[in-house]
C-alpha atoms as a PDB file:
ATOM      1  CA  MET A   1     125.328 357.264  32.625  1.00  0.00           C
ATOM      2  CA  HIS A   2     125.335 360.897  31.603  1.00  0.00           C
ATOM      3  CA  TYR A   3     122.671 363.043  29.978  1.00  0.00           C
ATOM      4  CA  SER A   4     122.862 365.277  26.924  1.00  0.00           C
ATOM      5  CA  PRO A   5     120.287 367.267  24.920  1.00  0.00           C
ATOM      6  CA  PRO A   6     118.462 365.236  22.251  1.00  0.00           C
ATOM      7  CA  ALA A   7     119.636 365.689  18.655  1.00  0.00           C
ATOM      8  CA  THR A   8     117.602 368.236  16.715  1.00  0.00           C
ATOM      9  CA  THR A   9     119.218 367.703  13.291  1.00  0.00           C
ATOM     10  CA  LEU A  10     119.292 364.676  11.029  1.00  0.00           C
ATOM     11  CA  CYS A  11     123.052 364.965  10.769  1.00  0.00           C
ATOM     12  CA  ASP A  12     123.516 364.705  14.523  1.00  0.00           C
ATOM     13  CA  ARG A  13     120.805 362.092  15.041  1.00  0.00           C
ATOM     14  CA  PHE A  14     122.145 359.553  12.532  1.00  0.00           C
ATOM     15  CA  ARG A  15     125.892 360.174  12.622  1.00  0.00           C
ATOM     16  CA  GLY A  16     126.012 362.073   9.359  1.00  0.00           C
ATOM     17  CA  PHE A  17     123.672 359.715   7.493  1.00  0.00           C
ATOM     18  CA  TYR A  18     120.554 361.012   5.752  1.00  0.00           C
ATOM     19  CA  PRO A  19     117.767 358.379   6.001  1.00  0.00           C
ATOM     20  CA  VAL A  20     115.673 357.828   2.867  1.00  0.00           C
ATOM     21  CA  VAL A  21     112.786 355.363   2.888  1.00  0.00           C
ATOM     22  CA  VAL A  22     112.693 353.234  -0.272  1.00  0.00           C
ATOM     23  CA  ASP A  23     110.303 350.621  -1.589  1.00  0.00           C
ATOM     24  CA  VAL A  24     110.608 348.701  -4.852  1.00  0.00           C
ATOM     25  CA  GLU A  25     108.117 346.571  -6.747  1.00  0.00           C
ATOM     26  CA  THR A  26     109.730 343.905  -8.882  1.00  0.00           C
ATOM     27  CA  GLY A  27     109.169 340.964 -11.166  1.00  0.00           C
ATOM     28  CA  GLY A  28     110.502 338.497  -8.608  1.00  0.00           C
ATOM     29  CA  PHE A  29     113.057 338.042  -5.859  1.00  0.00           C
ATOM     30  CA  ASP A  30     116.322 337.826  -7.846  1.00  0.00           C
ATOM     31  CA  CYS A  31     117.780 341.330  -8.186  1.00  0.00           C
ATOM     32  CA  ASN A  32     120.093 340.289 -11.031  1.00  0.00           C
ATOM     33  CA  ARG A  33     117.492 338.377 -13.043  1.00  0.00           C
ATOM     34  CA  ASP A  34     114.095 339.875 -12.244  1.00  0.00           C
ATOM     35  CA  ALA A  35     112.896 343.252 -13.456  1.00  0.00           C
ATOM     36  CA  LEU A  36     112.722 346.378 -11.343  1.00  0.00           C
ATOM     37  CA  LEU A  37     109.224 347.705 -12.121  1.00  0.00           C
ATOM     38  CA  GLU A  38     108.531 350.539  -9.684  1.00  0.00           C
ATOM     39  CA  ILE A  39     110.471 352.474  -7.089  1.00  0.00           C
ATOM     40  CA  ALA A  40     109.539 355.121  -4.529  1.00  0.00           C
ATOM     41  CA  ALA A  41     111.699 357.189  -2.199  1.00  0.00           C
ATOM     42  CA  VAL A  42     110.410 359.173   0.779  1.00  0.00           C
ATOM     43  CA  LEU A  43     112.522 362.011   2.144  1.00  0.00           C
ATOM     44  CA  LEU A  44     112.467 362.745   5.865  1.00  0.00           C
ATOM     45  CA  GLN A  45     113.047 365.891   7.862  1.00  0.00           C
ATOM     46  CA  MET A  46     113.537 366.771  11.490  1.00  0.00           C
ATOM     47  CA  ARG A  47     111.444 369.518  13.024  1.00  0.00           C
ATOM     48  CA  PRO A  48     113.030 372.077  15.351  1.00  0.00           C
ATOM     49  CA  ASP A  49     111.673 370.124  18.331  1.00  0.00           C
ATOM     50  CA  GLY A  50     113.597 367.032  17.209  1.00  0.00           C
ATOM     51  CA  ARG A  51     110.585 365.121  15.864  1.00  0.00           C
ATOM     52  CA  LEU A  52     111.269 363.112  12.706  1.00  0.00           C
ATOM     53  CA  VAL A  53     108.542 363.473  10.058  1.00  0.00           C
ATOM     54  CA  ARG A  54     107.829 362.453   6.495  1.00  0.00           C
ATOM     55  CA  ALA A  55     108.560 365.034   3.788  1.00  0.00           C
ATOM     56  CA  GLU A  56     108.409 364.652  -0.011  1.00  0.00           C
ATOM     57  CA  THR A  57     107.823 361.434  -1.928  1.00  0.00           C
ATOM     58  CA  PHE A  58     109.319 360.721  -5.356  1.00  0.00           C
ATOM     59  CA  SER A  59     108.351 357.718  -7.445  1.00  0.00           C
ATOM     60  CA  THR A  60     108.484 356.306 -10.933  1.00  0.00           C
ATOM     61  CA  HIS A  61     107.599 353.228 -12.913  1.00  0.00           C
ATOM     62  CA  VAL A  62     110.614 351.535 -14.469  1.00  0.00           C
ATOM     63  CA  VAL A  63     111.073 349.908 -17.878  1.00  0.00           C
ATOM     64  CA  PRO A  64     112.170 346.255 -17.422  1.00  0.00           C
ATOM     65  CA  PHE A  65     115.814 345.927 -18.391  1.00  0.00           C
ATOM     66  CA  PRO A  66     116.548 343.914 -21.565  1.00  0.00           C
ATOM     67  CA  GLY A  67     116.368 340.187 -20.970  1.00  0.00           C
ATOM     68  CA  SER A  68     114.848 340.537 -17.515  1.00  0.00           C
ATOM     69  CA  HIS A  69     112.410 338.016 -16.076  1.00  0.00           C
ATOM     70  CA  ILE A  70     108.966 338.847 -14.722  1.00  0.00           C
ATOM     71  CA  ASP A  71     107.101 336.244 -12.686  1.00  0.00           C
ATOM     72  CA  PRO A  72     103.333 336.483 -13.397  1.00  0.00           C
ATOM     73  CA  ARG A  73     102.699 335.756  -9.717  1.00  0.00           C
ATOM     74  CA  SER A  74     104.496 338.991  -8.806  1.00  0.00           C
ATOM     75  CA  LEU A  75     102.232 340.960 -11.146  1.00  0.00           C
ATOM     76  CA  GLU A  76      99.175 339.387  -9.526  1.00  0.00           C
ATOM     77  CA  ILE A  77     100.332 340.747  -6.177  1.00  0.00           C
ATOM     78  CA  THR A  78     101.350 344.231  -7.319  1.00  0.00           C
ATOM     79  CA  GLY A  79      98.720 344.751 -10.013  1.00  0.00           C
ATOM     80  CA  ILE A  80     101.383 346.220 -12.295  1.00  0.00           C
ATOM     81  CA  ASP A  81     100.933 345.904 -16.054  1.00  0.00           C
ATOM     82  CA  PRO A  82     104.400 346.503 -17.587  1.00  0.00           C
ATOM     83  CA  THR A  83     102.843 346.893 -21.056  1.00  0.00           C
ATOM     84  CA  HIS A  84     100.219 349.495 -20.128  1.00  0.00           C
ATOM     85  CA  PRO A  85     100.473 352.418 -22.593  1.00  0.00           C
ATOM     86  CA  LEU A  86      99.887 355.040 -19.879  1.00  0.00           C
ATOM     87  CA  ARG A  87     102.459 353.642 -17.458  1.00  0.00           C
ATOM     88  CA  ALA A  88     104.993 356.433 -18.244  1.00  0.00           C
ATOM     89  CA  ALA A  89     107.923 354.292 -17.168  1.00  0.00           C
ATOM     90  CA  LEU A  90     111.541 355.453 -17.239  1.00  0.00           C
ATOM     91  CA  ASP A  91     114.584 353.430 -18.234  1.00  0.00           C
ATOM     92  CA  GLU A  92     116.606 352.314 -15.228  1.00  0.00           C
ATOM     93  CA  ARG A  93     119.269 355.017 -15.624  1.00  0.00           C
ATOM     94  CA  GLU A  94     116.652 357.760 -15.943  1.00  0.00           C
ATOM     95  CA  ALA A  95     114.733 356.346 -12.979  1.00  0.00           C
ATOM     96  CA  LEU A  96     117.849 356.370 -10.798  1.00  0.00           C
ATOM     97  CA  ASP A  97     118.666 359.954 -11.765  1.00  0.00           C
ATOM     98  CA  PHE A  98     115.061 360.992 -11.135  1.00  0.00           C
ATOM     99  CA  LEU A  99     115.311 359.734  -7.553  1.00  0.00           C
ATOM    100  CA  PHE A 100     118.971 360.351  -6.774  1.00  0.00           C
ATOM    101  CA  ASP A 101     118.944 364.065  -7.678  1.00  0.00           C
ATOM    102  CA  PRO A 102     116.413 365.142  -4.989  1.00  0.00           C
ATOM    103  CA  ILE A 103     117.998 362.749  -2.485  1.00  0.00           C
ATOM    104  CA  ARG A 104     121.400 364.368  -2.965  1.00  0.00           C
ATOM    105  CA  ARG A 105     119.885 367.845  -2.637  1.00  0.00           C
ATOM    106  CA  ALA A 106     118.107 366.916   0.592  1.00  0.00           C
ATOM    107  CA  GLN A 107     121.209 365.180   1.926  1.00  0.00           C
ATOM    108  CA  LYS A 108     123.303 368.278   1.250  1.00  0.00           C
ATOM    109  CA  SER A 109     120.673 370.553   2.787  1.00  0.00           C
ATOM    110  CA  ALA A 110     120.710 368.407   5.937  1.00  0.00           C
ATOM    111  CA  ASP A 111     124.518 368.636   6.061  1.00  0.00           C
ATOM    112  CA  CYS A 112     124.805 364.848   5.860  1.00  0.00           C
ATOM    113  CA  GLN A 113     127.698 363.005   4.228  1.00  0.00           C
ATOM    114  CA  ARG A 114     125.706 360.119   2.742  1.00  0.00           C
ATOM    115  CA  ALA A 115     122.204 358.748   2.407  1.00  0.00           C
ATOM    116  CA  ILE A 116     121.232 355.483   4.048  1.00  0.00           C
ATOM    117  CA  LEU A 117     118.351 353.354   2.806  1.00  0.00           C
ATOM    118  CA  VAL A 118     115.468 352.685   5.180  1.00  0.00           C
ATOM    119  CA  GLY A 119     113.167 349.840   4.208  1.00  0.00           C
ATOM    120  CA  HIS A 120     110.960 347.026   5.391  1.00  0.00           C
ATOM    121  CA  ASN A 121     113.266 344.100   4.632  1.00  0.00           C
ATOM    122  CA  ALA A 122     115.707 346.782   3.556  1.00  0.00           C
ATOM    123  CA  ALA A 123     118.287 344.409   2.058  1.00  0.00           C
ATOM    124  CA  PHE A 124     115.755 343.405  -0.604  1.00  0.00           C
ATOM    125  CA  ASP A 125     115.213 347.009  -1.720  1.00  0.00           C
ATOM    126  CA  LEU A 126     118.898 347.910  -1.559  1.00  0.00           C
ATOM    127  CA  ASN A 127     119.863 344.818  -3.560  1.00  0.00           C
ATOM    128  CA  PHE A 128     117.542 345.842  -6.398  1.00  0.00           C
ATOM    129  CA  VAL A 129     118.773 349.437  -6.305  1.00  0.00           C
ATOM    130  CA  ASN A 130     122.407 348.296  -6.326  1.00  0.00           C
ATOM    131  CA  ALA A 131     121.729 345.857  -9.187  1.00  0.00           C
ATOM    132  CA  ALA A 132     120.250 348.687 -11.262  1.00  0.00           C
ATOM    133  CA  ILE A 133     123.278 350.828 -10.406  1.00  0.00           C
ATOM    134  CA  ARG A 134     125.601 348.089 -11.651  1.00  0.00           C
ATOM    135  CA  ARG A 135     123.628 347.491 -14.843  1.00  0.00           C
ATOM    136  CA  THR A 136     123.583 351.180 -15.746  1.00  0.00           C
ATOM    137  CA  GLY A 137     127.134 351.931 -14.638  1.00  0.00           C
ATOM    138  CA  HIS A 138     125.807 354.723 -12.420  1.00  0.00           C
ATOM    139  CA  LYS A 139     128.656 356.442 -10.585  1.00  0.00           C
ATOM    140  CA  ARG A 140     126.790 358.821  -8.278  1.00  0.00           C
ATOM    141  CA  SER A 141     124.632 356.781  -5.943  1.00  0.00           C
ATOM    142  CA  PRO A 142     123.896 358.723  -2.744  1.00  0.00           C
ATOM    143  CA  PHE A 143     123.343 355.528  -0.743  1.00  0.00           C
ATOM    144  CA  HIS A 144     125.739 353.649   1.475  1.00  0.00           C
ATOM    145  CA  PRO A 145     126.424 350.458  -0.514  1.00  0.00           C
ATOM    146  CA  PHE A 146     125.475 347.974   2.211  1.00  0.00           C
ATOM    147  CA  SER A 147     124.347 349.633   5.460  1.00  0.00           C
ATOM    148  CA  THR A 148     120.601 350.081   6.012  1.00  0.00           C
ATOM    149  CA  PHE A 149     117.975 350.805   8.653  1.00  0.00           C
ATOM    150  CA  ASP A 150     115.517 347.896   8.580  1.00  0.00           C
ATOM    151  CA  THR A 151     112.050 348.521  10.000  1.00  0.00           C
ATOM    152  CA  VAL A 152     111.449 344.773  10.307  1.00  0.00           C
ATOM    153  CA  SER A 153     113.967 344.622  13.144  1.00  0.00           C
ATOM    154  CA  LEU A 154     112.966 347.986  14.571  1.00  0.00           C
ATOM    155  CA  SER A 155     109.228 347.234  14.620  1.00  0.00           C
ATOM    156  CA  GLY A 156     109.927 343.790  16.045  1.00  0.00           C
ATOM    157  CA  LEU A 157     111.686 345.526  18.920  1.00  0.00           C
ATOM    158  CA  ALA A 158     109.199 348.375  19.321  1.00  0.00           C
ATOM    159  CA  PHE A 159     105.862 346.625  18.705  1.00  0.00           C
ATOM    160  CA  GLY A 160     106.510 342.892  18.635  1.00  0.00           C
ATOM    161  CA  GLN A 161     105.429 342.842  14.993  1.00  0.00           C
ATOM    162  CA  THR A 162     107.493 342.238  11.848  1.00  0.00           C
ATOM    163  CA  VAL A 163     104.854 342.232   9.082  1.00  0.00           C
ATOM    164  CA  LEU A 164     104.435 345.769   7.717  1.00  0.00           C
ATOM    165  CA  ALA A 165     100.627 345.740   7.877  1.00  0.00           C
ATOM    166  CA  LYS A 166     100.632 344.541  11.489  1.00  0.00           C
ATOM    167  CA  ALA A 167     103.452 346.876  12.530  1.00  0.00           C
ATOM    168  CA  THR A 168     101.781 349.983  11.117  1.00  0.00           C
ATOM    169  CA  THR A 169      98.515 348.969  12.750  1.00  0.00           C
ATOM    170  CA  ALA A 170     100.310 348.509  16.079  1.00  0.00           C
ATOM    171  CA  ALA A 171     101.863 351.956  15.605  1.00  0.00           C
ATOM    172  CA  GLY A 172      98.381 353.447  15.185  1.00  0.00           C
ATOM    173  CA  PHE A 173      98.400 354.166  11.431  1.00  0.00           C
ATOM    174  CA  GLY A 174      96.173 351.360  10.193  1.00  0.00           C
ATOM    175  CA  TRP A 175      96.557 349.586   6.865  1.00  0.00           C
ATOM    176  CA  ASP A 176      94.695 349.782   3.551  1.00  0.00           C
ATOM    177  CA  SER A 177      95.070 346.381   1.889  1.00  0.00           C
ATOM    178  CA  LYS A 178      93.742 347.758  -1.410  1.00  0.00           C
ATOM    179  CA  SER A 179      96.615 350.270  -1.603  1.00  0.00           C
ATOM    180  CA  ALA A 180      99.292 347.819  -0.457  1.00  0.00           C
ATOM    181  CA  HIS A 181     102.036 346.652  -2.827  1.00  0.00           C
ATOM    182  CA  SER A 182     102.204 350.051  -4.450  1.00  0.00           C
ATOM    183  CA  ALA A 183     105.734 351.400  -4.057  1.00  0.00           C
ATOM    184  CA  VAL A 184     104.434 354.803  -2.936  1.00  0.00           C
ATOM    185  CA  TYR A 185     101.970 353.443  -0.379  1.00  0.00           C
ATOM    186  CA  ASP A 186     104.384 350.927   1.101  1.00  0.00           C
ATOM    187  CA  ALA A 187     107.223 353.472   1.233  1.00  0.00           C
ATOM    188  CA  GLU A 188     105.076 356.101   2.947  1.00  0.00           C
ATOM    189  CA  GLN A 189     103.723 353.598   5.460  1.00  0.00           C
ATOM    190  CA  THR A 190     107.272 352.450   6.157  1.00  0.00           C
ATOM    191  CA  ALA A 191     108.364 356.071   6.561  1.00  0.00           C
ATOM    192  CA  ASP A 192     105.621 356.746   9.093  1.00  0.00           C
ATOM    193  CA  LEU A 193     106.563 353.567  10.943  1.00  0.00           C
ATOM    194  CA  PHE A 194     110.259 354.497  11.040  1.00  0.00           C
ATOM    195  CA  CYS A 195     109.500 358.031  12.233  1.00  0.00           C
ATOM    196  CA  SER A 196     107.184 356.694  14.927  1.00  0.00           C
ATOM    197  CA  ILE A 197     109.836 354.332  16.278  1.00  0.00           C
ATOM    198  CA  VAL A 198     112.575 356.988  16.229  1.00  0.00           C
ATOM    199  CA  ASN A 199     110.305 359.494  17.971  1.00  0.00           C
ATOM    200  CA  ARG A 200     109.149 356.976  20.581  1.00  0.00           C
ATOM    201  CA  TRP A 201     112.766 356.125  21.329  1.00  0.00           C
ATOM    202  CA  ALA A 202     113.550 359.821  21.739  1.00  0.00           C
ATOM    203  CA  ASP A 203     110.616 360.177  24.127  1.00  0.00           C
ATOM    204  CA  LEU A 204     111.864 357.281  26.245  1.00  0.00           C
ATOM    205  CA  HIS A 205     115.628 357.461  25.959  1.00  0.00           C
ATOM    206  CA  GLY A 206     116.583 360.436  23.829  1.00  0.00           C
ATOM    207  CA  THR A 207     118.457 362.280  26.553  1.00  0.00           C
ATOM    208  CA  ARG A 208     120.301 359.293  27.996  1.00  0.00           C
ATOM    209  CA  THR A 209     123.602 358.025  26.645  1.00  0.00           C
ATOM    210  CA  GLU A 210     126.091 355.521  27.979  1.00  0.00           C
ATOM    211  CA  ARG A 211     129.487 356.785  29.028  1.00  0.00           C
ATOM    212  CA  PHE A 212     132.148 354.312  27.903  1.00  0.00           C
ATOM    213  CA  PRO A 213     135.698 354.211  29.216  1.00  0.00           C
ATOM    214  CA  SER A 214     138.120 355.541  26.605  1.00  0.00           C
ATOM    215  CA  ASP A 215     139.557 352.082  25.884  1.00  0.00           C
ATOM    216  CA  GLN A 216     136.066 350.729  25.142  1.00  0.00           C
ATOM    217  CA  ILE A 217     135.367 353.646  22.811  1.00  0.00           C
ATOM    218  CA  ASP A 218     138.453 352.698  20.797  1.00  0.00           C
ATOM    219  CA  GLN A 219     137.242 349.090  20.629  1.00  0.00           C
ATOM    220  CA  VAL A 220     133.761 350.102  19.467  1.00  0.00           C
ATOM    221  CA  ALA A 221     135.173 352.456  16.833  1.00  0.00           C
ATOM    222  CA  ALA A 222     137.243 349.626  15.387  1.00  0.00           C
ATOM    223  CA  ILE A 223     134.197 347.422  14.774  1.00  0.00           C
END
């Protein structure tokens, strides 16, 4: 073992990745068939003392893509009315640009090479984002195409809980069931949960790193 100062920048802490917490609300579970209805992205920042905290939140309703399917049971859960005249939804391409532009600016400001999606069951959110990218032919996604940070696994490790409501309660944030299944609320709760786990890890282990023999470093790098 050897000890080094804890990282105080996002770039150093996450190997050049800029973590962005994302939550989507959809018309079902099939990213290629079911509509993307709402998306929120929460930017994070690291304070000078190395504590990770929530920063700005960006969100938008999304117009269902032509021919998409919406399961009425999904609408019962989310409370979304896709036909509401005051919904102010954006087409998928506009919605992606609306979110990607501030993400790229924050990523650049943090001196990171790429954004990485953080989510609760992150593969679900990333699959819907990637499907929208494919449908719109978007060429400038800031996100890594398949790597994620999943708070299901992290909260299972840290708190013994995998359900978002139970994990945030275990982390000390509580849970408002009336606000749940809103992309903004779920994304911000997930962001607080992620920050809490990262900060707790830093408190416990942030200055300790394993020293690998040089041959093992080469093996790890090849994975």
